[in-house]
Amino acid sequence: MNRFLILVGALCLLGGLGWRWLARIPFGRLPGDIHIVRGGINLHFPIVTCIAISVAVSALLWRLRR
């Protein structure tokens, strides 16, 4: 468990340091994501992005367990 927490912390640190480049990845703006703009309020529901990330992580974990 300790190694897992250290790994998660290191990934968060790397993600924070590389945010400028990670922001250019088109995730969050996939077709099927809902974006509503009304009266100065922006609501963004990244439904398809969440599904894509969930499938990728599930496939990765399934592959690592074998």
C-alpha atoms as a PDB file:
ATOM      1  CA  MET A   1       0.000   0.000   0.000  1.00  0.00           C
ATOM      2  CA  ASN A   2       2.872   2.390   0.757  1.00  0.00           C
ATOM      3  CA  ARG A   3       4.375   1.931  -2.709  1.00  0.00           C
ATOM      4  CA  PHE A   4       0.979   2.504  -4.296  1.00  0.00           C
ATOM      5  CA  LEU A   5       0.516   5.801  -2.436  1.00  0.00           C
ATOM      6  CA  ILE A   6       4.010   6.938  -3.382  1.00  0.00           C
ATOM      7  CA  LEU A   7       3.288   6.090  -7.024  1.00  0.00           C
ATOM      8  CA  VAL A   8      -0.013   7.988  -6.976  1.00  0.00           C
ATOM      9  CA  GLY A   9       1.709  10.991  -5.382  1.00  0.00           C
ATOM     10  CA  ALA A  10       4.486  10.927  -7.988  1.00  0.00           C
ATOM     11  CA  LEU A  11       1.923  10.743 -10.804  1.00  0.00           C
ATOM     12  CA  CYS A  12       0.022  13.691  -9.343  1.00  0.00           C
ATOM     13  CA  LEU A  13       3.252  15.670  -9.087  1.00  0.00           C
ATOM     14  CA  LEU A  14       4.183  14.868 -12.703  1.00  0.00           C
ATOM     15  CA  GLY A  15       0.685  15.756 -13.843  1.00  0.00           C
ATOM     16  CA  GLY A  16       0.887  19.089 -12.061  1.00  0.00           C
ATOM     17  CA  LEU A  17       4.275  19.887 -13.539  1.00  0.00           C
ATOM     18  CA  GLY A  18       3.161  18.906 -17.038  1.00  0.00           C
ATOM     19  CA  TRP A  19      -0.242  20.604 -16.905  1.00  0.00           C
ATOM     20  CA  ARG A  20       0.626  23.058 -19.701  1.00  0.00           C
ATOM     21  CA  TRP A  21       1.188  20.176 -22.125  1.00  0.00           C
ATOM     22  CA  LEU A  22      -1.546  17.939 -20.730  1.00  0.00           C
ATOM     23  CA  ALA A  23      -4.126  20.691 -21.289  1.00  0.00           C
ATOM     24  CA  ARG A  24      -3.569  20.369 -25.051  1.00  0.00           C
ATOM     25  CA  ILE A  25      -4.799  16.756 -25.108  1.00  0.00           C
ATOM     26  CA  PRO A  26      -8.320  16.758 -26.590  1.00  0.00           C
ATOM     27  CA  PHE A  27      -9.864  14.795 -23.683  1.00  0.00           C
ATOM     28  CA  GLY A  28     -12.735  16.757 -22.216  1.00  0.00           C
ATOM     29  CA  ARG A  29     -13.872  17.946 -25.629  1.00  0.00           C
ATOM     30  CA  LEU A  30     -14.909  14.663 -27.197  1.00  0.00           C
ATOM     31  CA  PRO A  31     -18.102  14.354 -29.258  1.00  0.00           C
ATOM     32  CA  GLY A  32     -20.871  13.444 -26.845  1.00  0.00           C
ATOM     33  CA  ASP A  33     -19.620  15.624 -24.004  1.00  0.00           C
ATOM     34  CA  ILE A  34     -22.269  18.129 -22.953  1.00  0.00           C
ATOM     35  CA  HIS A  35     -21.375  21.808 -22.718  1.00  0.00           C
ATOM     36  CA  ILE A  36     -24.072  24.328 -21.765  1.00  0.00           C
ATOM     37  CA  VAL A  37     -23.540  28.109 -21.817  1.00  0.00           C
ATOM     38  CA  ARG A  38     -26.390  30.262 -20.517  1.00  0.00           C
ATOM     39  CA  GLY A  39     -26.313  33.701 -19.007  1.00  0.00           C
ATOM     40  CA  GLY A  40     -22.636  33.711 -18.122  1.00  0.00           C
ATOM     41  CA  ILE A  41     -22.759  30.223 -16.591  1.00  0.00           C
ATOM     42  CA  ASN A  42     -20.725  27.438 -18.186  1.00  0.00           C
ATOM     43  CA  LEU A  43     -21.610  23.831 -17.348  1.00  0.00           C
ATOM     44  CA  HIS A  44     -19.527  21.010 -18.731  1.00  0.00           C
ATOM     45  CA  PHE A  45     -20.458  17.344 -18.373  1.00  0.00           C
ATOM     46  CA  PRO A  46     -17.664  15.176 -19.861  1.00  0.00           C
ATOM     47  CA  ILE A  47     -19.742  11.998 -20.108  1.00  0.00           C
ATOM     48  CA  VAL A  48     -17.954  10.410 -23.075  1.00  0.00           C
ATOM     49  CA  THR A  49     -14.543  11.412 -21.723  1.00  0.00           C
ATOM     50  CA  CYS A  50     -15.302   9.682 -18.408  1.00  0.00           C
ATOM     51  CA  ILE A  51     -16.446   6.551 -20.225  1.00  0.00           C
ATOM     52  CA  ALA A  52     -13.293   6.522 -22.398  1.00  0.00           C
ATOM     53  CA  ILE A  53     -11.004   6.955 -19.380  1.00  0.00           C
ATOM     54  CA  SER A  54     -12.903   4.265 -17.461  1.00  0.00           C
ATOM     55  CA  VAL A  55     -12.555   1.781 -20.310  1.00  0.00           C
ATOM     56  CA  ALA A  56      -8.833   2.554 -20.694  1.00  0.00           C
ATOM     57  CA  VAL A  57      -8.106   2.183 -16.971  1.00  0.00           C
ATOM     58  CA  SER A  58     -10.183  -1.005 -16.739  1.00  0.00           C
ATOM     59  CA  ALA A  59      -8.341  -2.519 -19.709  1.00  0.00           C
ATOM     60  CA  LEU A  60      -4.983  -1.528 -18.218  1.00  0.00           C
ATOM     61  CA  LEU A  61      -5.804  -3.046 -14.826  1.00  0.00           C
ATOM     62  CA  TRP A  62      -7.182  -6.193 -16.468  1.00  0.00           C
ATOM     63  CA  ARG A  63      -3.984  -6.503 -18.496  1.00  0.00           C
ATOM     64  CA  LEU A  64      -1.767  -5.995 -15.427  1.00  0.00           C
ATOM     65  CA  ARG A  65      -3.594  -8.692 -13.444  1.00  0.00           C
ATOM     66  CA  ARG A  66      -2.923 -11.372 -16.082  1.00  0.00           C
END
